[in-house]
Amino acid sequence: MIKYGMVALMIGVGSATAKPNIIYINADDLGVMDVGFNSNRYNTPNIDQLRAEGMLFTDAYAPAANCAPSRACVMSGQYSPRHGVYTVGSSERGKPTQRKIIPTKNTMHLQADNLTMAGALQAGGYKTIHLGKWHVSEDPLPFGFDVNIGGGANGGPYGGGYFSPFPKGPMKPFSDRYPKGTHRVDIFADQAIKFMRVNKENPFFVHMAYYSVHTGLQAVPEFIGKYDNSKVHAVYASMIEKMDQGIGKILDELDALGLRENTLVLFCSDNGGIRKISHQDPYRSGKGSYFEGGIREPLVVRWPGNVKPNSTCKVPVMATDFYPTFLEVADLPIPKNKVLDGESLVPLLKEKGGFPERTLFWHFPIYLQQYGGVEDDAHDPLFRTRPGSALRQGKWKLHEYFEDGRIELYDLEADIGERTNLAETHPEKAAELYKQLKEWQAEIKAPIPTELNLKYDPNAVGGKKQP
């Protein structure tokens, strides 16, 4: 039996506290253009309602372009070089003959001594629950969660897909508790609701980390008939709408419990969508790429009485900002000796107080093989990305690639699709940003792979730089 609310408060915060509840909803592989308020291809009425009742961040970014590193960054509040999680599994993706350099070795999981946002909130008196995809260790419980519903090291809906029964994996215990054919989204909603009901007198943190819409895709019968396969990937669309329905159930329960006014709800995704399934135009490429389509995210925050309904923020932000944001919302200090790379978004949410001008960084010293070849819209049809770093400062985006030292500079205001490299026509700006990137890499001790791969064949297809 799962016991909710049984862990003792660690610093003596009483049950009558007025600390806000925090619900962090994290979709999986959902692109920035895969929500209703950005595209009419998909039906997401509950996410759209959150947007109408809260603040939309138009320039929100994932800290990495694929699942495990993005989640590790968000949970730790740190850029990838601090924890070493760069990808899922091996960093040597693709064929050896097509990799010019030896990529940095990947760290599979967060270390146990890396205090997560959940751990900090738990220590501050919050009841905490994780539901769904975890992916950054074998078990979320040692990382600050009182309750775990279905979270493990797996990256996709392992152990039976999206519908019960689940013959293996972390969802197996729920096979006998729900009717055959029950969708994971419905199980997560039910379990989240039970948790909130038990803990309605205490501040709580809900990490609702959907597996949706990660592959393998499975049609949701109640929704798939609404979509035309000639216009949209109907199975994918049905999965998005099912996730949105689950979000609606959780939001409705907040209202029923009278907790809406004292709850911050944040909705985001972990990285861009897979382009061959759902194009992210006008943004280039998709999951696994450090072009905008791989890292730009749908981010909305509702916090009644603090966030103006239907408001918009155009300041570039990153999901590493969630950790310090949640701490400030909870009126908790940054834990001693904890390094955070983000900034609290509270001044932006409340539209008062100062927010620092800053540069956002990405570091990806590994390879990610192609999904759809040419359809990935990357530099070549063999890799979604090759080893490199990137930064964004204001309207400028700079990419560095370690295989050949190539620099690319884009003006996102004029060229959101990152098609026109301005490095040669704007050499001073490119040099200024490149210097800043090198300083950041040195400061954070980011590993730069330089060792040549002896198996590399420059005559192999895709081995040379593609136009």
Protein backbone atom coordinates (compact mmCIF):
# COMPACT_ATOMS: atom_id res chain seq x y z
CA MET A 1 0.00 0.00 0.00
CA ILE A 2 1.25 3.49 -0.86
CA LYS A 3 1.28 5.77 2.15
CA TYR A 4 0.88 9.47 1.55
CA GLY A 5 2.03 12.17 3.92
CA MET A 6 3.77 9.86 6.41
CA VAL A 7 7.24 11.42 6.27
CA ALA A 8 7.93 13.75 9.20
CA LEU A 9 8.63 17.40 8.56
CA MET A 10 12.35 17.98 8.67
CA ILE A 11 12.52 21.56 9.88
CA GLY A 12 9.31 21.92 11.79
CA VAL A 13 7.01 23.70 9.36
CA GLY A 14 3.49 23.39 10.79
CA SER A 15 0.42 22.14 8.98
CA ALA A 16 -1.19 25.57 9.16
CA THR A 17 1.52 27.05 6.95
CA ALA A 18 0.50 29.32 4.12
CA LYS A 19 3.40 28.22 1.94
CA PRO A 20 2.24 27.77 -1.66
CA ASN A 21 1.85 24.33 -3.11
CA ILE A 22 3.92 23.69 -6.22
CA ILE A 23 2.88 21.47 -9.14
CA TYR A 24 5.57 20.99 -11.78
CA ILE A 25 4.16 19.34 -14.92
CA ASN A 26 6.85 18.07 -17.26
CA ALA A 27 5.87 16.60 -20.63
CA ASP A 28 8.24 14.27 -22.47
CA ASP A 29 9.46 15.09 -26.00
CA LEU A 30 6.69 17.65 -26.50
CA GLY A 31 7.81 20.34 -28.92
CA VAL A 32 7.20 24.05 -28.50
CA MET A 33 4.75 23.94 -31.42
CA ASP A 34 2.85 20.94 -30.04
CA VAL A 35 0.46 22.88 -27.80
CA GLY A 36 -2.80 24.47 -28.82
CA PHE A 37 -1.84 28.04 -28.01
CA ASN A 38 1.08 27.81 -30.46
CA SER A 39 -0.49 25.63 -33.15
CA ASN A 40 -4.01 24.67 -34.18
CA ARG A 41 -2.81 21.15 -35.07
CA TYR A 42 -3.30 19.87 -31.53
CA ASN A 43 -6.13 20.06 -29.01
CA THR A 44 -4.87 21.03 -25.53
CA PRO A 45 -7.70 22.94 -23.81
CA ASN A 46 -6.37 22.52 -20.26
CA ILE A 47 -2.83 23.61 -21.14
CA ASP A 48 -4.34 26.49 -23.09
CA GLN A 49 -6.39 27.42 -20.02
CA LEU A 50 -3.23 27.49 -17.92
CA ARG A 51 -1.75 29.85 -20.48
CA ALA A 52 -4.87 32.06 -20.35
CA GLU A 53 -4.74 32.16 -16.55
CA GLY A 54 -0.99 32.59 -16.24
CA MET A 55 2.20 33.77 -17.89
CA LEU A 56 3.63 32.46 -21.16
CA PHE A 57 7.40 32.53 -21.55
CA THR A 58 7.93 32.84 -25.30
CA ASP A 59 11.69 32.23 -25.16
CA ALA A 60 11.94 29.31 -22.74
CA TYR A 61 14.65 26.70 -23.12
CA ALA A 62 15.48 23.20 -22.00
CA PRO A 63 19.02 22.90 -20.58
CA ALA A 64 19.68 19.96 -22.92
CA ALA A 65 18.19 18.63 -26.15
CA ASN A 66 17.35 15.13 -24.95
CA CYS A 67 15.73 13.52 -21.96
CA ALA A 68 18.17 12.39 -19.26
CA PRO A 69 20.54 15.39 -19.33
CA SER A 70 17.67 17.86 -19.40
CA ARG A 71 16.02 16.24 -16.37
CA ALA A 72 19.33 15.98 -14.53
CA CYS A 73 19.93 19.70 -15.09
CA VAL A 74 16.44 20.67 -13.92
CA MET A 75 16.45 18.47 -10.82
CA SER A 76 19.97 19.53 -9.80
CA GLY A 77 19.60 23.14 -10.92
CA GLN A 78 22.96 22.81 -12.65
CA TYR A 79 24.44 22.87 -16.12
CA SER A 80 25.52 19.50 -17.52
CA PRO A 81 29.29 19.84 -16.91
CA ARG A 82 28.67 19.97 -13.15
CA HIS A 83 27.08 16.51 -13.05
CA GLY A 84 28.30 14.92 -16.29
CA VAL A 85 24.94 13.59 -17.53
CA TYR A 86 25.04 14.38 -21.26
CA THR A 87 22.85 11.72 -22.84
CA VAL A 88 21.13 8.37 -22.40
CA GLY A 89 23.57 5.46 -22.34
CA SER A 90 26.74 5.72 -24.39
CA SER A 91 28.08 8.97 -25.80
CA GLU A 92 29.41 7.12 -28.84
CA ARG A 93 26.30 7.30 -30.97
CA GLY A 94 26.28 6.61 -34.70
CA LYS A 95 28.89 4.74 -36.72
CA PRO A 96 32.54 4.98 -35.58
CA THR A 97 33.67 5.80 -39.13
CA GLN A 98 31.56 8.96 -39.03
CA ARG A 99 32.81 10.33 -35.68
CA LYS A 100 35.92 12.46 -36.08
CA ILE A 101 36.73 12.75 -32.36
CA ILE A 102 36.31 10.64 -29.23
CA PRO A 103 33.32 12.04 -27.32
CA THR A 104 33.36 12.74 -23.61
CA LYS A 105 32.33 9.73 -21.52
CA ASN A 106 28.79 10.00 -20.27
CA THR A 107 27.69 9.81 -16.63
CA MET A 108 24.49 7.79 -16.47
CA HIS A 109 22.82 9.19 -13.33
CA LEU A 110 22.86 12.01 -10.83
CA GLN A 111 25.05 11.33 -7.83
CA ALA A 112 23.30 10.69 -4.52
CA ASP A 113 24.91 13.72 -2.85
CA ASN A 114 23.55 16.15 -5.46
CA LEU A 115 20.65 17.79 -3.62
CA THR A 116 17.67 18.04 -5.94
CA MET A 117 14.89 20.62 -5.92
CA ALA A 118 12.64 17.95 -4.40
CA GLY A 119 15.17 17.31 -1.66
CA ALA A 120 15.41 20.99 -0.83
CA LEU A 121 11.63 21.35 -0.71
CA GLN A 122 11.26 18.18 1.34
CA ALA A 123 13.81 19.49 3.85
CA GLY A 124 11.78 22.69 3.95
CA GLY A 125 8.63 20.92 5.08
CA TYR A 126 7.02 20.03 1.76
CA LYS A 127 5.33 16.70 1.16
CA THR A 128 6.67 15.47 -2.16
CA ILE A 129 5.48 13.04 -4.83
CA HIS A 130 7.01 11.96 -8.12
CA LEU A 131 4.74 10.52 -10.81
CA GLY A 132 5.93 9.13 -14.13
CA LYS A 133 9.28 9.44 -15.83
CA TRP A 134 12.33 9.88 -13.60
CA HIS A 135 15.26 8.67 -15.73
CA VAL A 136 18.15 10.19 -13.69
CA SER A 137 18.66 7.34 -11.20
CA GLU A 138 17.19 3.95 -10.38
CA ASP A 139 14.76 5.36 -7.79
CA PRO A 140 13.53 8.90 -7.09
CA LEU A 141 12.87 8.29 -3.38
CA PRO A 142 16.46 8.95 -2.20
CA PHE A 143 16.41 12.22 -4.15
CA GLY A 144 13.78 13.97 -2.07
CA PHE A 145 10.48 12.27 -2.75
CA ASP A 146 8.16 10.82 -0.13
CA VAL A 147 6.14 8.91 -2.74
CA ASN A 148 7.11 7.42 -6.10
CA ILE A 149 4.51 6.44 -8.68
CA GLY A 150 6.14 4.67 -11.60
CA GLY A 151 9.51 6.37 -11.62
CA GLY A 152 12.71 4.48 -12.44
CA ALA A 153 15.76 4.61 -14.67
CA ASN A 154 13.80 3.86 -17.84
CA GLY A 155 13.42 6.59 -20.42
CA GLY A 156 10.22 5.45 -22.11
CA PRO A 157 6.98 3.75 -21.06
CA TYR A 158 8.82 0.55 -20.20
CA GLY A 159 7.03 -2.54 -18.99
CA GLY A 160 3.89 -2.73 -21.09
CA GLY A 161 3.51 0.58 -22.88
CA TYR A 162 0.96 3.24 -22.00
CA PHE A 163 -1.95 0.95 -21.10
CA SER A 164 -2.33 -1.50 -18.22
CA PRO A 165 -1.52 -4.22 -17.43
CA PHE A 166 2.20 -3.61 -16.91
CA PRO A 167 3.95 -7.00 -16.69
CA LYS A 168 7.24 -5.51 -15.51
CA GLY A 169 8.89 -2.27 -14.52
CA PRO A 170 7.97 0.33 -11.89
CA MET A 171 4.32 0.43 -12.95
CA LYS A 172 3.79 -3.31 -12.40
CA PRO A 173 2.28 -2.81 -8.89
CA PHE A 174 -0.60 -0.87 -10.45
CA SER A 175 -1.65 -3.60 -12.87
CA ASP A 176 -3.96 -5.21 -10.33
CA ARG A 177 -5.30 -1.92 -8.99
CA TYR A 178 -6.76 -0.56 -12.23
CA PRO A 179 -8.89 -2.16 -14.95
CA LYS A 180 -7.19 -3.57 -18.01
CA GLY A 181 -6.60 -0.87 -20.60
CA THR A 182 -6.24 1.98 -18.10
CA HIS A 183 -3.89 4.63 -19.46
CA ARG A 184 -0.86 5.73 -17.45
CA VAL A 185 -2.14 9.31 -17.63
CA ASP A 186 -5.31 8.28 -15.76
CA ILE A 187 -3.35 6.34 -13.13
CA PHE A 188 -1.07 9.32 -12.55
CA ALA A 189 -4.06 11.67 -12.23
CA ASP A 190 -5.75 9.37 -9.75
CA GLN A 191 -2.63 8.97 -7.64
CA ALA A 192 -1.87 12.70 -7.70
CA ILE A 193 -5.42 13.46 -6.58
CA LYS A 194 -5.17 11.01 -3.68
CA PHE A 195 -1.88 12.58 -2.62
CA MET A 196 -3.31 16.11 -2.72
CA ARG A 197 -6.37 15.12 -0.72
CA VAL A 198 -4.26 13.60 2.06
CA ASN A 199 -1.85 16.54 2.12
CA LYS A 200 -4.26 19.42 1.58
CA GLU A 201 -3.37 20.89 4.98
CA ASN A 202 0.38 20.78 4.23
CA PRO A 203 2.45 22.42 1.53
CA PHE A 204 3.13 19.88 -1.20
CA PHE A 205 5.28 19.48 -4.29
CA VAL A 206 3.93 17.39 -7.14
CA HIS A 207 6.37 16.39 -9.89
CA MET A 208 3.99 15.24 -12.61
CA ALA A 209 6.49 13.90 -15.16
CA TYR A 210 4.49 12.36 -17.98
CA TYR A 211 5.94 9.72 -20.29
CA SER A 212 3.71 11.26 -22.95
CA VAL A 213 4.57 11.75 -25.73
CA HIS A 214 7.71 9.62 -25.82
CA THR A 215 7.93 6.77 -28.31
CA GLY A 216 6.72 4.07 -28.75
CA LEU A 217 3.59 5.84 -29.71
CA GLN A 218 0.24 4.24 -28.88
CA ALA A 219 -3.09 5.54 -30.10
CA VAL A 220 -5.65 6.68 -27.56
CA PRO A 221 -8.95 5.32 -28.94
CA GLU A 222 -11.15 8.04 -27.45
CA PHE A 223 -9.23 10.78 -29.27
CA ILE A 224 -7.59 9.40 -32.40
CA GLY A 225 -10.72 9.64 -34.53
CA LYS A 226 -10.64 13.43 -34.24
CA TYR A 227 -7.43 13.77 -36.26
CA ASP A 228 -6.69 13.52 -39.96
CA ASN A 229 -3.50 11.56 -40.67
CA SER A 230 -2.89 13.64 -43.77
CA LYS A 231 -2.53 16.79 -41.70
CA VAL A 232 -1.01 15.56 -38.45
CA HIS A 233 0.38 12.39 -36.88
CA ALA A 234 -2.96 11.24 -35.50
CA VAL A 235 -1.53 8.82 -32.92
CA TYR A 236 0.79 11.49 -31.60
CA ALA A 237 -2.06 14.00 -31.49
CA SER A 238 -4.26 11.59 -29.54
CA MET A 239 -1.48 11.12 -26.97
CA ILE A 240 -1.09 14.87 -26.53
CA GLU A 241 -4.80 15.28 -25.94
CA LYS A 242 -4.82 12.41 -23.44
CA MET A 243 -2.04 14.06 -21.45
CA ASP A 244 -3.96 17.32 -21.52
CA GLN A 245 -7.02 15.52 -20.17
CA GLY A 246 -4.96 14.20 -17.25
CA ILE A 247 -3.71 17.70 -16.51
CA GLY A 248 -7.31 18.87 -16.45
CA LYS A 249 -8.22 16.26 -13.83
CA ILE A 250 -5.42 17.46 -11.54
CA LEU A 251 -6.37 21.12 -12.00
CA ASP A 252 -10.04 20.35 -11.34
CA GLU A 253 -9.09 18.66 -8.07
CA LEU A 254 -7.14 21.74 -7.01
CA ASP A 255 -10.36 23.70 -7.42
CA ALA A 256 -12.41 21.10 -5.56
CA LEU A 257 -9.98 21.20 -2.64
CA GLY A 258 -9.98 25.00 -2.57
CA LEU A 259 -6.24 25.07 -3.29
CA ARG A 260 -6.14 26.94 -6.60
CA GLU A 261 -5.31 30.30 -5.05
CA ASN A 262 -2.37 28.95 -3.07
CA THR A 263 -0.80 26.75 -5.74
CA LEU A 264 1.79 27.56 -8.38
CA VAL A 265 1.39 25.37 -11.46
CA LEU A 266 4.22 25.23 -13.99
CA PHE A 267 3.91 23.39 -17.30
CA CYS A 268 6.90 22.69 -19.54
CA SER A 269 8.58 19.95 -21.58
CA ASP A 270 11.99 18.33 -21.24
CA ASN A 271 13.26 18.98 -24.77
CA GLY A 272 12.07 19.57 -28.30
CA GLY A 273 9.79 17.28 -30.26
CA ILE A 274 11.01 14.61 -32.67
CA ARG A 275 10.91 16.41 -35.99
CA LYS A 276 9.98 13.43 -38.16
CA ILE A 277 6.86 13.02 -36.00
CA SER A 278 6.00 16.69 -35.55
CA HIS A 279 7.74 19.52 -37.38
CA GLN A 280 8.55 22.50 -35.17
CA ASP A 281 8.57 25.13 -37.93
CA PRO A 282 9.53 27.94 -37.91
CA TYR A 283 12.14 26.54 -35.53
CA ARG A 284 14.84 24.36 -37.04
CA SER A 285 15.29 20.66 -36.29
CA GLY A 286 14.02 18.90 -33.13
CA LYS A 287 14.93 16.63 -30.24
CA GLY A 288 18.67 16.05 -30.01
CA SER A 289 19.61 19.25 -31.83
CA TYR A 290 20.83 22.53 -30.37
CA PHE A 291 19.00 24.46 -33.02
CA GLU A 292 15.88 26.10 -31.60
CA GLY A 293 13.57 23.21 -32.44
CA GLY A 294 15.53 20.95 -30.12
CA ILE A 295 15.68 23.15 -27.05
CA ARG A 296 12.92 25.78 -27.17
CA GLU A 297 10.01 24.78 -24.91
CA PRO A 298 6.38 25.63 -24.16
CA LEU A 299 6.47 27.17 -20.66
CA VAL A 300 3.48 28.57 -18.80
CA VAL A 301 3.12 29.41 -15.10
CA ARG A 302 -0.12 30.03 -13.21
CA TRP A 303 0.11 31.48 -9.71
CA PRO A 304 -3.11 33.32 -8.72
CA GLY A 305 -2.60 36.66 -7.05
CA ASN A 306 1.02 36.80 -8.18
CA VAL A 307 0.97 36.21 -11.94
CA LYS A 308 -1.24 38.36 -14.14
CA PRO A 309 -3.60 36.25 -16.28
CA ASN A 310 -2.83 36.05 -19.99
CA SER A 311 0.52 37.76 -19.48
CA THR A 312 3.62 37.22 -21.60
CA CYS A 313 7.33 37.33 -20.84
CA LYS A 314 9.85 37.55 -23.69
CA VAL A 315 12.96 37.30 -21.51
CA PRO A 316 15.00 34.18 -22.40
CA VAL A 317 14.81 31.69 -19.51
CA MET A 318 15.91 28.11 -18.93
CA ALA A 319 14.53 25.19 -16.93
CA THR A 320 17.56 25.39 -14.62
CA ASP A 321 15.72 28.45 -13.28
CA PHE A 322 12.96 26.29 -11.78
CA TYR A 323 15.00 25.19 -8.75
CA PRO A 324 15.71 28.71 -7.41
CA THR A 325 12.20 29.78 -8.43
CA PHE A 326 10.54 27.07 -6.37
CA LEU A 327 12.77 27.85 -3.40
CA GLU A 328 11.80 31.53 -3.47
CA VAL A 329 8.12 30.67 -3.88
CA ALA A 330 8.46 28.39 -0.83
CA ASP A 331 10.37 31.11 1.06
CA LEU A 332 13.33 28.78 1.51
CA PRO A 333 17.01 29.69 1.26
CA ILE A 334 19.43 28.18 -1.21
CA PRO A 335 20.90 25.17 0.61
CA LYS A 336 24.38 25.60 2.02
CA ASN A 337 27.14 24.66 -0.45
CA LYS A 338 24.59 24.10 -3.22
CA VAL A 339 25.66 25.62 -6.56
CA LEU A 340 22.73 26.73 -8.74
CA ASP A 341 23.21 27.91 -12.31
CA GLY A 342 19.74 29.41 -12.75
CA GLU A 343 17.96 32.50 -11.50
CA SER A 344 14.64 32.76 -9.71
CA LEU A 345 11.87 33.72 -12.12
CA VAL A 346 9.78 35.30 -9.36
CA PRO A 347 10.65 38.90 -10.40
CA LEU A 348 9.48 38.07 -13.93
CA LEU A 349 6.36 36.28 -12.71
CA LYS A 350 5.37 39.16 -10.46
CA GLU A 351 6.59 41.76 -12.97
CA LYS A 352 8.41 43.62 -10.23
CA GLY A 353 11.98 43.73 -9.05
CA GLY A 354 15.11 43.28 -11.12
CA PHE A 355 16.13 40.33 -13.24
CA PRO A 356 19.76 40.06 -14.37
CA GLU A 357 20.83 40.34 -17.98
CA ARG A 358 22.62 37.12 -18.63
CA THR A 359 23.79 34.59 -21.17
CA LEU A 360 22.35 31.07 -21.41
CA PHE A 361 24.72 28.18 -22.16
CA TRP A 362 24.56 24.60 -23.45
CA HIS A 363 27.35 22.03 -23.55
CA PHE A 364 27.09 18.76 -25.44
CA PRO A 365 30.49 17.07 -25.98
CA ILE A 366 29.02 13.92 -27.55
CA TYR A 367 27.22 12.58 -30.62
CA LEU A 368 23.54 11.91 -31.21
CA GLN A 369 22.67 9.79 -34.22
CA GLN A 370 19.93 10.66 -36.69
CA TYR A 371 16.23 9.88 -36.30
CA GLY A 372 14.90 10.81 -39.72
CA GLY A 373 18.00 11.52 -41.79
CA VAL A 374 17.51 14.59 -43.95
CA GLU A 375 14.14 15.16 -42.29
CA ASP A 376 15.92 15.91 -38.99
CA ASP A 377 16.95 19.22 -40.61
CA ALA A 378 20.37 19.12 -38.93
CA HIS A 379 23.77 19.81 -40.52
CA ASP A 380 24.00 16.36 -42.05
CA PRO A 381 21.71 13.34 -42.35
CA LEU A 382 23.71 11.16 -39.94
CA PHE A 383 23.67 13.09 -36.68
CA ARG A 384 21.11 15.29 -35.01
CA THR A 385 24.07 17.00 -33.45
CA ARG A 386 27.82 16.60 -33.25
CA PRO A 387 29.91 17.60 -30.22
CA GLY A 388 29.75 21.28 -29.37
CA SER A 389 28.57 24.14 -27.18
CA ALA A 390 26.10 26.96 -27.68
CA LEU A 391 24.99 30.17 -26.05
CA ARG A 392 22.23 32.72 -26.32
CA GLN A 393 22.69 36.36 -25.41
CA GLY A 394 19.87 38.74 -26.30
CA LYS A 395 18.96 38.16 -29.92
CA TRP A 396 22.23 36.36 -30.68
CA LYS A 397 22.81 32.61 -30.77
CA LEU A 398 26.31 31.18 -31.13
CA HIS A 399 27.20 27.55 -31.86
CA GLU A 400 30.67 26.02 -31.59
CA TYR A 401 31.44 22.57 -33.02
CA PHE A 402 34.44 20.70 -31.67
CA GLU A 403 35.20 18.46 -34.65
CA ASP A 404 36.41 21.30 -36.85
CA GLY A 405 36.21 24.42 -34.66
CA ARG A 406 33.32 25.75 -36.73
CA ILE A 407 31.50 28.81 -35.37
CA GLU A 408 27.96 29.74 -36.33
CA LEU A 409 26.25 32.99 -35.38
CA TYR A 410 22.55 33.65 -35.82
CA ASP A 411 20.34 36.68 -35.27
CA LEU A 412 17.19 35.11 -33.84
CA GLU A 413 15.13 38.25 -34.33
CA ALA A 414 15.73 38.19 -38.08
CA ASP A 415 16.36 34.47 -38.56
CA ILE A 416 14.49 32.31 -36.06
CA GLY A 417 15.12 29.30 -38.31
CA GLU A 418 18.91 29.64 -37.93
CA ARG A 419 19.59 29.46 -41.68
CA THR A 420 22.01 32.34 -42.23
CA ASN A 421 25.37 32.06 -40.48
CA LEU A 422 26.59 35.58 -39.70
CA ALA A 423 29.97 34.62 -38.24
CA GLU A 424 31.87 36.01 -41.24
CA THR A 425 29.75 39.11 -41.79
CA HIS A 426 29.70 39.98 -38.05
CA PRO A 427 33.19 38.89 -36.95
CA GLU A 428 33.37 41.24 -33.95
CA LYS A 429 30.12 39.94 -32.44
CA ALA A 430 31.16 36.35 -33.15
CA ALA A 431 34.53 36.94 -31.47
CA GLU A 432 32.91 38.61 -28.46
CA LEU A 433 30.48 35.76 -27.87
CA TYR A 434 33.08 33.09 -28.57
CA LYS A 435 35.35 34.63 -25.94
CA GLN A 436 32.47 34.55 -23.47
CA LEU A 437 31.77 30.91 -24.33
CA LYS A 438 35.42 29.96 -23.77
CA GLU A 439 35.43 31.75 -20.41
CA TRP A 440 32.28 29.90 -19.33
CA GLN A 441 33.69 26.55 -20.43
CA ALA A 442 36.85 27.19 -18.39
CA GLU A 443 34.95 28.41 -15.34
CA ILE A 444 32.60 25.44 -15.23
CA LYS A 445 35.35 22.97 -16.23
CA ALA A 446 33.43 21.78 -19.27
CA PRO A 447 35.23 18.90 -20.96
CA ILE A 448 36.24 19.64 -24.56
CA PRO A 449 36.88 16.46 -26.56
CA THR A 450 39.94 16.74 -28.79
CA GLU A 451 41.27 13.19 -29.18
CA LEU A 452 41.00 12.02 -32.78
CA ASN A 453 39.04 8.86 -33.50
CA LEU A 454 41.34 6.49 -35.40
CA LYS A 455 38.35 4.70 -36.88
CA TYR A 456 37.11 7.88 -38.53
CA ASP A 457 36.93 7.77 -42.32
CA PRO A 458 36.67 11.23 -43.90
CA ASN A 459 35.43 9.59 -47.10
CA ALA A 460 32.48 7.98 -45.34
CA VAL A 461 29.11 9.44 -46.27
CA GLY A 462 28.46 12.34 -43.94
CA GLY A 463 32.03 12.30 -42.64
CA LYS A 464 32.68 15.65 -44.21
CA LYS A 465 30.82 18.80 -43.30
CA GLN A 466 27.56 19.09 -45.20
CA PRO A 467 26.26 22.36 -46.62
